[in-house]
């Protein structure tokens, strides 16, 4: 599997990567394309692509949490035809390695409701080395509660609280939806 990271909007790449994104998140809080473009214009996100040959098989959209030198894995998805083959974990490992030079930690938010789908997702992230925080966050704009997970990319041995992480995650989401001036 080969990888590439984009820090600028690329229409041709998004035409193919957007299919995977929309398939995975169409009913689960996908940000509209206009918002993602805005995030690139502001320089607050990256698009990571995983390829098998010339075909895009995995994508991740990440965002900078600048105040804590962390990278939020906002969305991660594998093409439906390539799921359950370890490609999601390879993508996470790539992002972790890629982020070493610029970020102290990777952060993810996961649905907190204890249903099989969410438990499976949490176990995936734990297998990737992420630690689940105890705090349960309730957004005002979505009905489901969330928890934060993190993994250190550098040997800082700092532990984070869920409250601390959601303070920064909330700032990122707010910045994502604000128009660039």
Protein backbone atom coordinates (compact mmCIF):
# COMPACT_ATOMS: atom_id res chain seq x y z
CA UNK A 1 0.00 0.00 0.00
CA UNK A 2 1.30 3.45 -0.94
CA UNK A 3 0.30 6.74 0.67
CA UNK A 4 0.16 10.40 -0.18
CA UNK A 5 -0.82 13.42 1.92
CA UNK A 6 -2.35 16.60 0.53
CA UNK A 7 -2.37 19.96 2.29
CA UNK A 8 -4.23 21.72 -0.52
CA UNK A 9 -7.57 21.02 -2.16
CA UNK A 10 -7.18 18.83 -5.24
CA UNK A 11 -10.33 18.51 -7.33
CA UNK A 12 -9.23 15.39 -9.23
CA UNK A 13 -8.15 13.56 -6.07
CA UNK A 14 -11.34 14.51 -4.25
CA UNK A 15 -13.46 13.22 -7.16
CA UNK A 16 -12.23 9.70 -6.32
CA UNK A 17 -11.56 10.05 -2.59
CA UNK A 18 -14.91 11.77 -2.06
CA UNK A 19 -16.72 8.58 -3.12
CA UNK A 20 -15.17 6.67 -0.20
CA UNK A 21 -15.88 9.55 2.19
CA UNK A 22 -19.52 9.83 1.12
CA UNK A 23 -20.06 6.06 1.23
CA UNK A 24 -18.72 5.86 4.78
CA UNK A 25 -20.22 9.01 6.28
CA UNK A 26 -23.30 9.98 4.26
CA UNK A 27 -25.60 9.12 7.18
CA UNK A 28 -23.06 9.74 9.95
CA UNK A 29 -22.24 13.42 10.13
CA UNK A 30 -20.20 13.99 6.99
CA UNK A 31 -19.03 17.54 6.59
CA UNK A 32 -20.27 19.07 3.33
CA UNK A 33 -17.67 19.39 0.57
CA UNK A 34 -17.87 23.19 0.87
CA UNK A 35 -16.74 22.97 4.49
CA UNK A 36 -13.86 20.64 3.62
CA UNK A 37 -12.73 23.04 0.88
CA UNK A 38 -12.89 25.83 3.46
CA UNK A 39 -10.71 23.80 5.82
CA UNK A 40 -8.06 23.46 3.10
CA UNK A 41 -8.26 27.19 2.32
CA UNK A 42 -7.61 27.92 6.00
CA UNK A 43 -4.70 25.46 6.11
CA UNK A 44 -6.15 23.50 9.04
CA UNK A 45 -6.46 20.03 7.52
CA UNK A 46 -4.83 17.28 5.49
CA UNK A 47 -6.18 14.58 3.21
CA UNK A 48 -4.32 11.29 3.47
CA UNK A 49 -4.82 8.77 0.68
CA UNK A 50 -3.97 5.07 0.64
CA UNK A 51 -3.45 3.44 -2.77
CA UNK A 52 -3.28 -0.10 -4.04
CA UNK A 53 -1.73 0.38 -7.45
CA UNK A 54 -3.53 3.42 -8.91
CA UNK A 55 -6.75 2.85 -6.99
CA UNK A 56 -7.62 4.87 -3.90
CA UNK A 57 -8.65 2.34 -1.25
CA UNK A 58 -8.47 4.37 1.99
CA UNK A 59 -8.80 8.00 3.00
CA UNK A 60 -8.41 10.05 6.14
CA UNK A 61 -9.20 13.69 6.76
CA UNK A 62 -7.19 15.11 9.64
CA UNK A 63 -7.18 18.48 11.34
CA UNK A 64 -4.60 20.49 13.22
CA UNK A 65 -5.16 21.09 16.92
CA UNK A 66 -2.46 23.75 17.02
CA UNK A 67 -2.67 24.76 20.67
CA UNK A 68 -1.71 21.26 21.77
CA UNK A 69 0.43 20.19 18.79
CA UNK A 70 -1.96 17.33 18.03
CA UNK A 71 -3.63 16.00 14.91
CA UNK A 72 -7.32 15.08 14.97
CA UNK A 73 -8.27 12.12 12.81
CA UNK A 74 -11.61 13.63 11.81
CA UNK A 75 -12.60 10.91 9.31
CA UNK A 76 -11.06 7.59 8.32
CA UNK A 77 -12.62 5.26 5.77
CA UNK A 78 -11.73 2.28 3.61
CA UNK A 79 -13.37 1.61 0.24
CA UNK A 80 -16.23 -0.89 0.76
CA UNK A 81 -14.59 -3.44 -1.57
CA UNK A 82 -11.38 -3.44 0.52
CA UNK A 83 -12.66 -3.51 4.10
CA UNK A 84 -11.57 -6.08 6.70
CA UNK A 85 -8.14 -6.52 5.09
CA UNK A 86 -6.09 -4.46 7.57
CA UNK A 87 -5.96 -1.37 5.35
CA UNK A 88 -7.52 0.90 7.98
CA UNK A 89 -4.80 -0.01 10.45
CA UNK A 90 -2.14 0.54 7.77
CA UNK A 91 -3.62 3.99 7.14
CA UNK A 92 -3.52 4.83 10.86
CA UNK A 93 0.10 3.63 11.06
CA UNK A 94 0.98 5.81 8.07
CA UNK A 95 -0.64 8.89 9.63
CA UNK A 96 1.13 8.20 12.91
CA UNK A 97 4.53 7.96 11.18
CA UNK A 98 3.79 10.96 8.95
CA UNK A 99 2.80 13.10 11.94
CA UNK A 100 5.94 12.37 14.00
CA UNK A 101 7.81 15.47 12.89
CA UNK A 102 4.98 17.94 13.57
CA UNK A 103 2.60 16.61 16.21
CA UNK A 104 2.85 15.21 19.73
CA UNK A 105 -0.34 13.14 19.58
CA UNK A 106 -3.14 11.83 17.41
CA UNK A 107 -6.70 12.35 18.65
CA UNK A 108 -9.95 10.69 17.61
CA UNK A 109 -13.52 11.10 18.81
CA UNK A 110 -15.76 8.03 18.92
CA UNK A 111 -19.44 7.52 19.62
CA UNK A 112 -19.84 6.71 23.32
CA UNK A 113 -23.10 4.76 23.25
CA UNK A 114 -22.29 1.11 24.06
CA UNK A 115 -23.74 -0.54 20.97
CA UNK A 116 -21.89 -3.26 18.98
CA UNK A 117 -20.88 -0.96 16.09
CA UNK A 118 -19.36 1.63 18.43
CA UNK A 119 -17.64 -0.98 20.61
CA UNK A 120 -16.08 -2.50 17.47
CA UNK A 121 -14.84 0.95 16.42
CA UNK A 122 -13.34 1.63 19.86
CA UNK A 123 -11.56 -1.76 19.78
CA UNK A 124 -10.13 -0.90 16.35
CA UNK A 125 -8.61 2.30 17.71
CA UNK A 126 -7.33 0.53 20.81
CA UNK A 127 -5.58 -2.03 18.57
CA UNK A 128 -3.94 0.98 16.90
CA UNK A 129 -2.59 2.08 20.31
CA UNK A 130 -5.20 4.70 21.24
CA UNK A 131 -6.30 5.25 24.85
CA UNK A 132 -10.00 5.85 25.59
CA UNK A 133 -10.74 8.73 27.97
CA UNK A 134 -13.57 8.48 30.52
CA UNK A 135 -15.27 11.80 29.83
CA UNK A 136 -18.46 11.67 27.74
CA UNK A 137 -19.08 14.79 25.66
CA UNK A 138 -22.50 15.95 24.50
CA UNK A 139 -22.53 18.24 21.46
CA UNK A 140 -25.48 20.57 21.06
CA UNK A 141 -25.79 19.90 17.31
CA UNK A 142 -25.71 16.07 17.22
CA UNK A 143 -27.74 13.70 19.39
CA UNK A 144 -25.12 11.03 20.15
CA UNK A 145 -22.51 11.41 22.93
CA UNK A 146 -18.78 11.07 22.17
CA UNK A 147 -15.56 10.10 23.90
CA UNK A 148 -12.04 11.10 22.95
CA UNK A 149 -9.17 8.72 22.31
CA UNK A 150 -5.50 9.58 21.85
CA UNK A 151 -2.10 8.10 21.12
CA UNK A 152 1.28 9.74 21.66
CA UNK A 153 3.45 10.19 18.60
CA UNK A 154 6.41 11.38 20.67
CA UNK A 155 7.69 10.17 24.03
CA UNK A 156 6.12 12.98 26.05
CA UNK A 157 4.29 10.53 28.37
CA UNK A 158 1.61 13.17 28.86
CA UNK A 159 -1.85 11.91 29.68
CA UNK A 160 -4.85 13.85 28.42
CA UNK A 161 -8.28 14.21 29.90
CA UNK A 162 -11.36 13.96 27.72
CA UNK A 163 -12.43 17.44 28.80
CA UNK A 164 -9.10 18.88 27.66
CA UNK A 165 -9.26 17.08 24.32
CA UNK A 166 -12.84 18.14 23.58
CA UNK A 167 -11.94 21.77 24.29
CA UNK A 168 -9.48 21.58 21.39
CA UNK A 169 -11.68 19.36 19.20
CA UNK A 170 -14.52 21.86 19.63
CA UNK A 171 -12.27 24.74 18.55
CA UNK A 172 -11.27 22.78 15.45
CA UNK A 173 -14.89 22.03 14.49
CA UNK A 174 -15.83 25.68 15.05
CA UNK A 175 -12.94 26.83 12.83
CA UNK A 176 -13.95 24.27 10.20
CA UNK A 177 -17.40 25.79 9.80
CA UNK A 178 -16.36 29.46 9.96
CA UNK A 179 -15.93 31.11 6.58
CA UNK A 180 -12.45 32.27 5.69
CA UNK A 181 -12.17 36.04 5.71
